[in-house]
Amino acid sequence: MKSLHILTSVALLTAGWGTSALAAPNKPINAADVDHGTGCLVRGSASQAYAYDATCDFNSVTKAGKDGARVFFRYQDKGKLQSGQAAPDKALTLDISMTIAGQSCIGKEVITPSGNYSSNLTCK
């Protein structure tokens, strides 16, 4: 997974995937829940270990169906490689594919020679 936050989000998502969502008092149960903040895991290649980037920005959206069951999850982040992580010689795109609680998830990691890192993951 791409960031510390996505690991937490996926753990929470997996634990409560089939349960009713908790909506704010004035929001319908199937309203989208948006989260954002800082702190992500980044890497410079598929064989490189992840390192924590405290200044990385992330956002996520979780959507529930009318029955309250989660039906959609989207995560994005943008950060910088950390000290000791080598940037690739040319832009690198890594595909992500996994199943979480029966939902198919796909995404990408993009790493640039300048050390910029971004990732995204969509589960439906």
C-alpha atoms as a PDB file:
ATOM      1  CA  MET A   1       0.000   0.000   0.000  1.00  0.00           C
ATOM      2  CA  LYS A   2       1.124   3.490  -0.629  1.00  0.00           C
ATOM      3  CA  SER A   3       0.858   5.379   2.589  1.00  0.00           C
ATOM      4  CA  LEU A   4       0.482   5.058   6.291  1.00  0.00           C
ATOM      5  CA  HIS A   5      -2.966   6.588   5.949  1.00  0.00           C
ATOM      6  CA  ILE A   6      -4.078   4.206   3.226  1.00  0.00           C
ATOM      7  CA  LEU A   7      -3.031   1.274   5.412  1.00  0.00           C
ATOM      8  CA  THR A   8      -5.222   2.639   8.184  1.00  0.00           C
ATOM      9  CA  SER A   9      -8.051   3.446   5.779  1.00  0.00           C
ATOM     10  CA  VAL A  10      -7.941  -0.002   4.218  1.00  0.00           C
ATOM     11  CA  ALA A  11      -7.881  -1.666   7.647  1.00  0.00           C
ATOM     12  CA  LEU A  12     -10.941   0.314   8.719  1.00  0.00           C
ATOM     13  CA  LEU A  13     -12.588  -0.208   5.352  1.00  0.00           C
ATOM     14  CA  THR A  14     -12.009  -3.965   5.497  1.00  0.00           C
ATOM     15  CA  ALA A  15     -13.222  -4.248   9.079  1.00  0.00           C
ATOM     16  CA  GLY A  16     -16.467  -2.403   8.379  1.00  0.00           C
ATOM     17  CA  TRP A  17     -17.014  -3.106   4.672  1.00  0.00           C
ATOM     18  CA  GLY A  18     -20.275  -5.015   5.099  1.00  0.00           C
ATOM     19  CA  THR A  19     -21.631  -3.040   8.026  1.00  0.00           C
ATOM     20  CA  SER A  20     -23.773   0.048   8.100  1.00  0.00           C
ATOM     21  CA  ALA A  21     -21.992   3.332   7.614  1.00  0.00           C
ATOM     22  CA  LEU A  22     -22.258   6.042  10.208  1.00  0.00           C
ATOM     23  CA  ALA A  23     -23.484   9.208   8.523  1.00  0.00           C
ATOM     24  CA  ALA A  24     -23.397  12.681  10.013  1.00  0.00           C
ATOM     25  CA  PRO A  25     -26.777  13.746  11.445  1.00  0.00           C
ATOM     26  CA  ASN A  26     -27.706  15.854   8.392  1.00  0.00           C
ATOM     27  CA  LYS A  27     -26.193  13.579   5.724  1.00  0.00           C
ATOM     28  CA  PRO A  28     -27.892  10.583   4.121  1.00  0.00           C
ATOM     29  CA  ILE A  29     -26.313   7.222   4.939  1.00  0.00           C
ATOM     30  CA  ASN A  30     -25.060   6.931   1.349  1.00  0.00           C
ATOM     31  CA  ALA A  31     -23.296  10.312   1.337  1.00  0.00           C
ATOM     32  CA  ALA A  32     -19.593  10.285   0.447  1.00  0.00           C
ATOM     33  CA  ASP A  33     -17.145  10.619   3.339  1.00  0.00           C
ATOM     34  CA  VAL A  34     -14.036  12.666   2.500  1.00  0.00           C
ATOM     35  CA  ASP A  35     -10.773  12.631   4.460  1.00  0.00           C
ATOM     36  CA  HIS A  36      -7.488  14.478   3.923  1.00  0.00           C
ATOM     37  CA  GLY A  37      -4.265  15.168   5.743  1.00  0.00           C
ATOM     38  CA  THR A  38      -0.522  14.673   5.690  1.00  0.00           C
ATOM     39  CA  GLY A  39       1.845  11.738   6.043  1.00  0.00           C
ATOM     40  CA  CYS A  40       2.416   8.942   3.521  1.00  0.00           C
ATOM     41  CA  LEU A  41       4.807   6.149   2.660  1.00  0.00           C
ATOM     42  CA  VAL A  42       6.872   6.730  -0.507  1.00  0.00           C
ATOM     43  CA  ARG A  43       9.402   4.703  -2.527  1.00  0.00           C
ATOM     44  CA  GLY A  44      11.644   5.202  -5.554  1.00  0.00           C
ATOM     45  CA  SER A  45      11.134   1.813  -7.257  1.00  0.00           C
ATOM     46  CA  ALA A  46       9.323  -1.508  -6.943  1.00  0.00           C
ATOM     47  CA  SER A  47      12.352  -3.019  -5.169  1.00  0.00           C
ATOM     48  CA  GLN A  48      12.911  -0.080  -2.828  1.00  0.00           C
ATOM     49  CA  ALA A  49      11.603  -0.028   0.757  1.00  0.00           C
ATOM     50  CA  TYR A  50       8.961   2.551   1.658  1.00  0.00           C
ATOM     51  CA  ALA A  51       9.950   5.551   3.797  1.00  0.00           C
ATOM     52  CA  TYR A  52       7.669   7.931   5.695  1.00  0.00           C
ATOM     53  CA  ASP A  53       7.151  11.431   4.226  1.00  0.00           C
ATOM     54  CA  ALA A  54       5.551  13.575   6.946  1.00  0.00           C
ATOM     55  CA  THR A  55       4.760  16.386   4.472  1.00  0.00           C
ATOM     56  CA  CYS A  56       3.030  14.198   1.877  1.00  0.00           C
ATOM     57  CA  ASP A  57      -0.582  15.268   1.219  1.00  0.00           C
ATOM     58  CA  PHE A  58      -3.342  12.640   0.920  1.00  0.00           C
ATOM     59  CA  ASN A  59      -7.074  12.552   0.378  1.00  0.00           C
ATOM     60  CA  SER A  60      -9.622   9.749   0.307  1.00  0.00           C
ATOM     61  CA  VAL A  61     -13.304   9.311  -0.473  1.00  0.00           C
ATOM     62  CA  THR A  62     -15.488   6.483   0.822  1.00  0.00           C
ATOM     63  CA  LYS A  63     -18.994   6.048  -0.586  1.00  0.00           C
ATOM     64  CA  ALA A  64     -21.758   3.866   0.851  1.00  0.00           C
ATOM     65  CA  GLY A  65     -24.820   2.447  -0.866  1.00  0.00           C
ATOM     66  CA  LYS A  66     -28.382   3.209   0.232  1.00  0.00           C
ATOM     67  CA  ASP A  67     -28.180   0.253   2.629  1.00  0.00           C
ATOM     68  CA  GLY A  68     -25.096   1.792   4.283  1.00  0.00           C
ATOM     69  CA  ALA A  69     -22.650  -0.819   2.936  1.00  0.00           C
ATOM     70  CA  ARG A  70     -19.452   0.647   1.523  1.00  0.00           C
ATOM     71  CA  VAL A  71     -19.351   0.409  -2.265  1.00  0.00           C
ATOM     72  CA  PHE A  72     -16.483   2.695  -3.323  1.00  0.00           C
ATOM     73  CA  PHE A  73     -13.114   3.833  -1.961  1.00  0.00           C
ATOM     74  CA  ARG A  74     -10.653   6.238  -3.638  1.00  0.00           C
ATOM     75  CA  TYR A  75      -7.243   7.287  -2.275  1.00  0.00           C
ATOM     76  CA  GLN A  76      -4.622   9.729  -3.659  1.00  0.00           C
ATOM     77  CA  ASP A  77      -1.363  11.129  -2.305  1.00  0.00           C
ATOM     78  CA  LYS A  78       1.534  13.350  -3.401  1.00  0.00           C
ATOM     79  CA  GLY A  79       4.908  13.410  -1.682  1.00  0.00           C
ATOM     80  CA  LYS A  80       8.681  13.489  -2.101  1.00  0.00           C
ATOM     81  CA  LEU A  81      11.278  10.751  -1.853  1.00  0.00           C
ATOM     82  CA  GLN A  82      13.169  10.847   1.427  1.00  0.00           C
ATOM     83  CA  SER A  83      16.877  10.997   2.209  1.00  0.00           C
ATOM     84  CA  GLY A  84      18.558   7.765   1.085  1.00  0.00           C
ATOM     85  CA  GLN A  85      15.860   6.898  -1.470  1.00  0.00           C
ATOM     86  CA  ALA A  86      17.143   6.920  -5.044  1.00  0.00           C
ATOM     87  CA  ALA A  87      14.978   8.517  -7.728  1.00  0.00           C
ATOM     88  CA  PRO A  88      14.645   6.695 -11.063  1.00  0.00           C
ATOM     89  CA  ASP A  89      16.556   7.914 -14.150  1.00  0.00           C
ATOM     90  CA  LYS A  90      13.235   8.366 -15.976  1.00  0.00           C
ATOM     91  CA  ALA A  91       9.639   8.626 -14.783  1.00  0.00           C
ATOM     92  CA  LEU A  92       8.410   5.317 -13.415  1.00  0.00           C
ATOM     93  CA  THR A  93       4.801   4.105 -13.207  1.00  0.00           C
ATOM     94  CA  LEU A  94       3.993   1.044 -11.102  1.00  0.00           C
ATOM     95  CA  ASP A  95       0.585  -0.657 -11.355  1.00  0.00           C
ATOM     96  CA  ILE A  96      -1.281  -1.626  -8.181  1.00  0.00           C
ATOM     97  CA  SER A  97      -3.862  -4.417  -8.158  1.00  0.00           C
ATOM     98  CA  MET A  98      -5.408  -6.108  -5.115  1.00  0.00           C
ATOM     99  CA  THR A  99      -8.675  -7.308  -3.611  1.00  0.00           C
ATOM    100  CA  ILE A 100      -9.893  -5.835  -0.324  1.00  0.00           C
ATOM    101  CA  ALA A 101     -12.951  -7.368   1.337  1.00  0.00           C
ATOM    102  CA  GLY A 102     -14.142  -8.741  -2.009  1.00  0.00           C
ATOM    103  CA  GLN A 103     -13.763  -5.423  -3.804  1.00  0.00           C
ATOM    104  CA  SER A 104     -11.380  -5.100  -6.787  1.00  0.00           C
ATOM    105  CA  CYS A 105      -8.837  -2.330  -6.288  1.00  0.00           C
ATOM    106  CA  ILE A 106      -6.534  -0.871  -8.934  1.00  0.00           C
ATOM    107  CA  GLY A 107      -4.188   2.085  -8.968  1.00  0.00           C
ATOM    108  CA  LYS A 108      -0.756   3.442  -9.787  1.00  0.00           C
ATOM    109  CA  GLU A 109       2.378   4.810  -8.185  1.00  0.00           C
ATOM    110  CA  VAL A 110       4.309   7.444 -10.166  1.00  0.00           C
ATOM    111  CA  ILE A 111       7.897   8.393  -9.291  1.00  0.00           C
ATOM    112  CA  THR A 112       9.827  11.082 -11.172  1.00  0.00           C
ATOM    113  CA  PRO A 113      13.582  11.717 -11.562  1.00  0.00           C
ATOM    114  CA  SER A 114      13.134  14.905  -9.500  1.00  0.00           C
ATOM    115  CA  GLY A 115      11.948  12.777  -6.542  1.00  0.00           C
ATOM    116  CA  ASN A 116       8.228  13.517  -6.750  1.00  0.00           C
ATOM    117  CA  TYR A 117       5.983  10.629  -5.731  1.00  0.00           C
ATOM    118  CA  SER A 118       2.237  10.125  -6.165  1.00  0.00           C
ATOM    119  CA  SER A 119      -0.130   7.211  -5.845  1.00  0.00           C
ATOM    120  CA  ASN A 120      -3.803   6.441  -6.249  1.00  0.00           C
ATOM    121  CA  LEU A 121      -6.058   3.482  -5.493  1.00  0.00           C
ATOM    122  CA  THR A 122      -9.711   2.910  -6.434  1.00  0.00           C
ATOM    123  CA  CYS A 123     -11.824   0.066  -5.008  1.00  0.00           C
ATOM    124  CA  LYS A 124     -15.289  -0.779  -6.374  1.00  0.00           C
END
